[in-house]
């Protein structure tokens, strides 16, 4: 929380425009919001592509959770099965704080397994 914001709330209390309880709720909400955004920034979404035949990893890409919306929407163009309600459900899980492997599919034409993890 920014000290200017905190000072402004305290000035409102001092001026009688906010009660101490209202100020406490505001300060708590601001602190919770900050913690949530810090957690979101610290989390990563990792996409791993593995060759089905050899089991070797072909690619591994990590992106911050904050960019996952754009990344998954771009990825949906490459993988049509990840679109519409499936994409929206996946995005909701990521935004709600889910972790671990969220998605796995096999592209038999390309001989690849694609996995999506939130770390």
N, C-alpha and C. Protein backbone atom coordinates (compact mmCIF):
# COMPACT_ATOMS: atom_id res chain seq x y z
N UNK A 1 0.84 -1.17 0.00
CA UNK A 1 0.00 0.00 0.00
C UNK A 1 0.88 1.23 0.00
N UNK A 2 0.51 2.19 -0.78
CA UNK A 2 1.23 3.44 -0.91
C UNK A 2 1.02 4.29 0.35
N UNK A 3 2.10 4.90 0.85
CA UNK A 3 1.97 5.71 2.07
C UNK A 3 1.08 6.93 1.84
N UNK A 4 1.03 7.45 0.61
CA UNK A 4 0.14 8.57 0.31
C UNK A 4 -1.32 8.17 0.49
N UNK A 5 -1.65 6.96 0.05
CA UNK A 5 -3.02 6.46 0.22
C UNK A 5 -3.37 6.32 1.69
N UNK A 6 -2.45 5.75 2.44
CA UNK A 6 -2.65 5.58 3.88
C UNK A 6 -2.82 6.93 4.56
N UNK A 7 -1.96 7.89 4.22
CA UNK A 7 -2.05 9.23 4.80
C UNK A 7 -3.38 9.89 4.47
N UNK A 8 -3.85 9.70 3.25
CA UNK A 8 -5.13 10.29 2.83
C UNK A 8 -6.28 9.72 3.66
N UNK A 9 -6.27 8.43 3.90
CA UNK A 9 -7.31 7.80 4.72
C UNK A 9 -7.25 8.35 6.14
N UNK A 10 -6.05 8.47 6.67
CA UNK A 10 -5.91 9.00 8.04
C UNK A 10 -6.38 10.46 8.12
N UNK A 11 -6.14 11.23 7.08
CA UNK A 11 -6.63 12.61 7.05
C UNK A 11 -8.16 12.66 7.05
N UNK A 12 -8.77 11.72 6.33
CA UNK A 12 -10.23 11.66 6.30
C UNK A 12 -10.78 11.31 7.68
N UNK A 13 -10.10 10.45 8.40
CA UNK A 13 -10.51 10.11 9.78
C UNK A 13 -10.36 11.34 10.66
N UNK A 14 -9.22 11.98 10.56
CA UNK A 14 -8.96 13.17 11.36
C UNK A 14 -9.99 14.27 11.09
N UNK A 15 -10.41 14.39 9.84
CA UNK A 15 -11.39 15.41 9.48
C UNK A 15 -12.82 15.00 9.77
N UNK A 16 -13.02 13.80 10.29
CA UNK A 16 -14.36 13.34 10.63
C UNK A 16 -15.16 12.83 9.44
N UNK A 17 -14.53 12.67 8.30
CA UNK A 17 -15.24 12.20 7.12
C UNK A 17 -15.33 10.67 7.06
N UNK A 18 -14.47 10.00 7.81
CA UNK A 18 -14.48 8.53 7.91
C UNK A 18 -14.39 8.14 9.37
N UNK A 19 -15.10 7.06 9.72
CA UNK A 19 -14.95 6.54 11.08
C UNK A 19 -13.69 5.68 11.14
N UNK A 20 -13.25 5.39 12.33
CA UNK A 20 -12.08 4.53 12.50
C UNK A 20 -12.35 3.14 11.92
N UNK A 21 -13.57 2.62 12.09
CA UNK A 21 -13.92 1.29 11.54
C UNK A 21 -13.89 1.31 10.02
N UNK A 22 -14.41 2.36 9.41
CA UNK A 22 -14.39 2.46 7.95
C UNK A 22 -12.95 2.54 7.44
N UNK A 23 -12.15 3.31 8.13
CA UNK A 23 -10.75 3.44 7.73
C UNK A 23 -10.02 2.10 7.86
N UNK A 24 -10.29 1.38 8.93
CA UNK A 24 -9.65 0.07 9.13
C UNK A 24 -10.05 -0.88 8.00
N UNK A 25 -11.33 -0.87 7.62
CA UNK A 25 -11.77 -1.75 6.52
C UNK A 25 -11.10 -1.37 5.21
N UNK A 26 -10.99 -0.07 4.95
CA UNK A 26 -10.31 0.38 3.74
C UNK A 26 -8.85 -0.04 3.72
N UNK A 27 -8.17 0.17 4.83
CA UNK A 27 -6.76 -0.20 4.92
C UNK A 27 -6.56 -1.70 4.74
N UNK A 28 -7.46 -2.50 5.36
CA UNK A 28 -7.38 -3.96 5.21
C UNK A 28 -7.62 -4.37 3.76
N UNK A 29 -8.61 -3.76 3.12
CA UNK A 29 -8.91 -4.10 1.73
C UNK A 29 -7.75 -3.73 0.81
N UNK A 30 -7.14 -2.59 1.06
CA UNK A 30 -6.01 -2.18 0.24
C UNK A 30 -4.83 -3.12 0.42
N UNK A 31 -4.59 -3.55 1.65
CA UNK A 31 -3.48 -4.48 1.92
C UNK A 31 -3.75 -5.83 1.26
N UNK A 32 -5.00 -6.31 1.34
CA UNK A 32 -5.35 -7.60 0.73
C UNK A 32 -5.20 -7.53 -0.78
N UNK A 33 -5.61 -6.42 -1.36
CA UNK A 33 -5.49 -6.24 -2.81
C UNK A 33 -4.03 -6.26 -3.23
N UNK A 34 -3.21 -5.62 -2.47
CA UNK A 34 -1.78 -5.58 -2.78
C UNK A 34 -1.16 -6.98 -2.69
N UNK A 35 -1.52 -7.72 -1.62
CA UNK A 35 -0.98 -9.08 -1.47
C UNK A 35 -1.42 -9.97 -2.63
N UNK A 36 -2.68 -9.83 -3.05
CA UNK A 36 -3.19 -10.65 -4.16
C UNK A 36 -2.46 -10.32 -5.45
N UNK A 37 -2.21 -9.05 -5.70
CA UNK A 37 -1.50 -8.70 -6.94
C UNK A 37 -0.05 -9.14 -6.89
N UNK A 38 0.57 -9.12 -5.71
CA UNK A 38 1.94 -9.61 -5.58
C UNK A 38 2.01 -11.10 -5.83
N UNK A 39 1.02 -11.85 -5.31
CA UNK A 39 0.98 -13.31 -5.55
C UNK A 39 0.80 -13.59 -7.03
N UNK A 40 -0.08 -12.82 -7.69
CA UNK A 40 -0.33 -13.05 -9.12
C UNK A 40 0.94 -12.78 -9.92
N UNK A 41 1.68 -11.74 -9.55
CA UNK A 41 2.91 -11.44 -10.27
C UNK A 41 3.96 -12.50 -10.07
N UNK A 42 3.98 -13.14 -8.92
CA UNK A 42 5.01 -14.12 -8.61
C UNK A 42 4.72 -15.46 -9.28
N UNK A 43 3.48 -15.72 -9.65
CA UNK A 43 3.11 -17.01 -10.23
C UNK A 43 3.42 -17.03 -11.73
N UNK A 44 3.71 -18.22 -12.21
CA UNK A 44 4.02 -18.41 -13.64
C UNK A 44 3.14 -19.50 -14.22
N UNK A 45 2.83 -19.37 -15.49
CA UNK A 45 2.18 -20.42 -16.26
C UNK A 45 3.26 -21.01 -17.16
N UNK A 46 3.40 -22.33 -17.09
CA UNK A 46 4.42 -22.99 -17.91
C UNK A 46 3.73 -23.93 -18.89
N UNK A 47 4.13 -23.82 -20.15
CA UNK A 47 3.64 -24.71 -21.20
C UNK A 47 4.81 -25.60 -21.59
N UNK A 48 4.59 -26.91 -21.52
CA UNK A 48 5.65 -27.86 -21.85
C UNK A 48 5.16 -28.75 -23.00
N UNK A 49 6.01 -28.90 -24.00
CA UNK A 49 5.70 -29.74 -25.16
C UNK A 49 6.71 -30.89 -25.17
N UNK A 50 6.18 -32.12 -25.21
CA UNK A 50 7.02 -33.32 -25.16
C UNK A 50 6.74 -34.18 -26.39
N UNK A 51 7.80 -34.74 -26.98
CA UNK A 51 7.67 -35.66 -28.09
C UNK A 51 7.09 -36.97 -27.56
N UNK A 52 5.98 -37.43 -28.15
CA UNK A 52 5.33 -38.66 -27.67
C UNK A 52 6.18 -39.90 -27.90
N UNK A 53 6.90 -39.94 -28.98
CA UNK A 53 7.66 -41.13 -29.31
C UNK A 53 8.91 -41.27 -28.42
N UNK A 54 9.69 -40.22 -28.31
CA UNK A 54 10.95 -40.31 -27.57
C UNK A 54 10.80 -39.92 -26.10
N UNK A 55 9.75 -39.18 -25.76
CA UNK A 55 9.58 -38.70 -24.39
C UNK A 55 10.44 -37.48 -24.07
N UNK A 56 11.17 -36.99 -25.07
CA UNK A 56 12.04 -35.82 -24.87
C UNK A 56 11.23 -34.54 -24.90
N UNK A 57 11.64 -33.63 -24.05
CA UNK A 57 10.99 -32.33 -24.00
C UNK A 57 11.41 -31.50 -25.20
N UNK A 58 10.44 -30.99 -25.95
CA UNK A 58 10.73 -30.20 -27.14
C UNK A 58 10.75 -28.70 -26.82
N UNK A 59 9.92 -28.29 -25.87
CA UNK A 59 9.85 -26.87 -25.53
C UNK A 59 9.28 -26.71 -24.13
N UNK A 60 9.68 -25.63 -23.49
CA UNK A 60 9.13 -25.26 -22.19
C UNK A 60 9.16 -23.74 -22.12
N UNK A 61 7.99 -23.15 -21.98
CA UNK A 61 7.88 -21.70 -21.97
C UNK A 61 7.13 -21.29 -20.71
N UNK A 62 7.66 -20.30 -20.00
CA UNK A 62 7.00 -19.78 -18.80
C UNK A 62 6.63 -18.33 -19.03
N UNK A 63 5.40 -18.00 -18.60
CA UNK A 63 4.96 -16.60 -18.70
C UNK A 63 4.31 -16.22 -17.38
N UNK A 64 4.40 -14.95 -16.98
CA UNK A 64 3.74 -14.51 -15.76
C UNK A 64 2.23 -14.67 -15.88
N UNK A 65 1.60 -15.00 -14.76
CA UNK A 65 0.15 -15.18 -14.74
C UNK A 65 -0.56 -13.94 -15.28
N UNK A 66 -0.02 -12.77 -15.03
CA UNK A 66 -0.63 -11.54 -15.50
C UNK A 66 -0.76 -11.47 -17.02
N UNK A 67 0.05 -12.22 -17.73
CA UNK A 67 0.00 -12.23 -19.20
C UNK A 67 -0.70 -13.46 -19.76
N UNK A 68 -1.21 -14.30 -18.89
CA UNK A 68 -1.77 -15.58 -19.33
C UNK A 68 -2.98 -15.39 -20.24
N UNK A 69 -3.78 -14.38 -20.01
CA UNK A 69 -4.96 -14.16 -20.83
C UNK A 69 -4.57 -14.00 -22.29
N UNK A 70 -3.61 -13.15 -22.55
CA UNK A 70 -3.14 -12.93 -23.92
C UNK A 70 -2.49 -14.19 -24.47
N UNK A 71 -1.62 -14.81 -23.68
CA UNK A 71 -0.90 -15.99 -24.14
C UNK A 71 -1.81 -17.15 -24.49
N UNK A 72 -2.81 -17.40 -23.65
CA UNK A 72 -3.71 -18.52 -23.93
C UNK A 72 -4.62 -18.22 -25.11
N UNK A 73 -5.02 -16.98 -25.26
CA UNK A 73 -5.86 -16.64 -26.41
C UNK A 73 -5.08 -16.80 -27.72
N UNK A 74 -3.80 -16.45 -27.69
CA UNK A 74 -2.96 -16.68 -28.88
C UNK A 74 -2.77 -18.17 -29.11
N UNK A 75 -2.54 -18.91 -28.02
CA UNK A 75 -2.37 -20.35 -28.13
C UNK A 75 -3.60 -21.06 -28.65
N UNK A 76 -4.78 -20.51 -28.37
CA UNK A 76 -6.02 -21.12 -28.84
C UNK A 76 -6.11 -21.11 -30.36
N UNK A 77 -5.44 -20.17 -30.98
CA UNK A 77 -5.43 -20.15 -32.45
C UNK A 77 -4.63 -21.32 -33.00
N UNK A 78 -3.61 -21.75 -32.24
CA UNK A 78 -2.79 -22.88 -32.67
C UNK A 78 -3.41 -24.21 -32.28
N UNK A 79 -4.21 -24.20 -31.23
CA UNK A 79 -4.86 -25.42 -30.75
C UNK A 79 -6.35 -25.15 -30.65
N UNK A 80 -7.12 -25.41 -31.71
CA UNK A 80 -8.54 -25.08 -31.73
C UNK A 80 -9.35 -25.74 -30.62
N UNK A 81 -8.87 -26.88 -30.09
CA UNK A 81 -9.60 -27.54 -29.01
C UNK A 81 -9.56 -26.71 -27.73
N UNK A 82 -8.68 -25.72 -27.68
CA UNK A 82 -8.58 -24.84 -26.52
C UNK A 82 -9.20 -23.49 -26.89
N UNK A 83 -10.50 -23.49 -27.02
CA UNK A 83 -11.18 -22.24 -27.37
C UNK A 83 -12.56 -22.24 -26.72
N UNK A 84 -13.26 -21.15 -26.86
CA UNK A 84 -14.62 -21.04 -26.35
C UNK A 84 -14.71 -21.25 -24.86
N UNK A 85 -15.65 -22.08 -24.43
CA UNK A 85 -15.88 -22.28 -23.00
C UNK A 85 -14.71 -22.99 -22.33
N UNK A 86 -14.00 -23.86 -23.06
CA UNK A 86 -12.83 -24.53 -22.48
C UNK A 86 -11.76 -23.51 -22.12
N UNK A 87 -11.54 -22.55 -22.99
CA UNK A 87 -10.56 -21.50 -22.73
C UNK A 87 -11.01 -20.63 -21.56
N UNK A 88 -12.26 -20.25 -21.54
CA UNK A 88 -12.77 -19.40 -20.45
C UNK A 88 -12.67 -20.11 -19.11
N UNK A 89 -12.97 -21.40 -19.08
CA UNK A 89 -12.86 -22.18 -17.85
C UNK A 89 -11.41 -22.24 -17.38
N UNK A 90 -10.50 -22.47 -18.30
CA UNK A 90 -9.08 -22.52 -17.96
C UNK A 90 -8.60 -21.18 -17.42
N UNK A 91 -8.96 -20.10 -18.06
CA UNK A 91 -8.57 -18.76 -17.59
C UNK A 91 -9.14 -18.48 -16.20
N UNK A 92 -10.37 -18.89 -15.96
CA UNK A 92 -10.99 -18.68 -14.65
C UNK A 92 -10.23 -19.45 -13.57
N UNK A 93 -9.83 -20.69 -13.86
CA UNK A 93 -9.07 -21.49 -12.89
C UNK A 93 -7.74 -20.80 -12.55
N UNK A 94 -7.05 -20.30 -13.57
CA UNK A 94 -5.77 -19.62 -13.35
C UNK A 94 -5.98 -18.38 -12.50
N UNK A 95 -6.98 -17.57 -12.83
CA UNK A 95 -7.23 -16.33 -12.11
C UNK A 95 -7.71 -16.59 -10.68
N UNK A 96 -8.36 -17.73 -10.45
CA UNK A 96 -8.84 -18.07 -9.11
C UNK A 96 -7.74 -18.66 -8.23
N UNK A 97 -6.53 -18.80 -8.78
CA UNK A 97 -5.41 -19.24 -7.97
C UNK A 97 -5.07 -20.71 -8.06
N UNK A 98 -5.65 -21.41 -9.03
CA UNK A 98 -5.33 -22.84 -9.18
C UNK A 98 -3.84 -23.01 -9.43
N UNK A 99 -3.31 -24.17 -9.05
CA UNK A 99 -1.90 -24.45 -9.31
C UNK A 99 -1.75 -25.91 -9.70
N UNK A 100 -0.57 -26.24 -10.21
CA UNK A 100 -0.32 -27.60 -10.69
C UNK A 100 -0.67 -27.72 -12.16
N UNK A 101 -0.80 -28.96 -12.64
CA UNK A 101 -1.12 -29.18 -14.05
C UNK A 101 -2.61 -28.94 -14.25
N UNK A 102 -2.94 -28.02 -15.13
CA UNK A 102 -4.33 -27.67 -15.40
C UNK A 102 -4.83 -28.26 -16.70
N UNK A 103 -3.91 -28.60 -17.59
CA UNK A 103 -4.34 -29.05 -18.90
C UNK A 103 -3.28 -29.97 -19.48
N UNK A 104 -3.76 -31.01 -20.17
CA UNK A 104 -2.86 -31.90 -20.92
C UNK A 104 -3.63 -32.40 -22.13
N UNK A 105 -3.01 -32.32 -23.28
CA UNK A 105 -3.62 -32.90 -24.47
C UNK A 105 -2.52 -33.44 -25.37
N UNK A 106 -2.93 -34.38 -26.21
CA UNK A 106 -1.99 -34.99 -27.14
C UNK A 106 -2.40 -34.65 -28.56
N UNK A 107 -1.42 -34.19 -29.31
CA UNK A 107 -1.61 -33.91 -30.73
C UNK A 107 -0.99 -35.08 -31.47
N UNK A 108 -1.82 -36.03 -31.87
CA UNK A 108 -1.31 -37.24 -32.50
C UNK A 108 -0.74 -36.97 -33.88
N UNK A 109 -1.28 -35.97 -34.57
CA UNK A 109 -0.74 -35.63 -35.88
C UNK A 109 0.70 -35.15 -35.79
N UNK A 110 0.99 -34.36 -34.78
CA UNK A 110 2.35 -33.82 -34.58
C UNK A 110 3.19 -34.73 -33.68
N UNK A 111 2.55 -35.70 -33.04
CA UNK A 111 3.27 -36.59 -32.13
C UNK A 111 3.76 -35.88 -30.88
N UNK A 112 2.92 -35.00 -30.34
CA UNK A 112 3.32 -34.19 -29.18
C UNK A 112 2.28 -34.25 -28.06
N UNK A 113 2.79 -34.12 -26.85
CA UNK A 113 1.93 -33.91 -25.68
C UNK A 113 2.18 -32.49 -25.23
N UNK A 114 1.11 -31.74 -24.98
CA UNK A 114 1.21 -30.37 -24.51
C UNK A 114 0.59 -30.32 -23.12
N UNK A 115 1.34 -29.76 -22.18
CA UNK A 115 0.87 -29.63 -20.81
C UNK A 115 0.95 -28.17 -20.37
N UNK A 116 -0.01 -27.76 -19.56
CA UNK A 116 -0.03 -26.41 -19.03
C UNK A 116 -0.04 -26.51 -17.50
N UNK A 117 0.93 -25.86 -16.88
CA UNK A 117 1.07 -25.87 -15.43
C UNK A 117 1.01 -24.43 -14.90
N UNK A 118 0.51 -24.29 -13.68
CA UNK A 118 0.63 -23.01 -12.98
C UNK A 118 1.53 -23.27 -11.78
N UNK A 119 2.58 -22.47 -11.68
CA UNK A 119 3.57 -22.64 -10.59
C UNK A 119 3.61 -21.43 -9.73
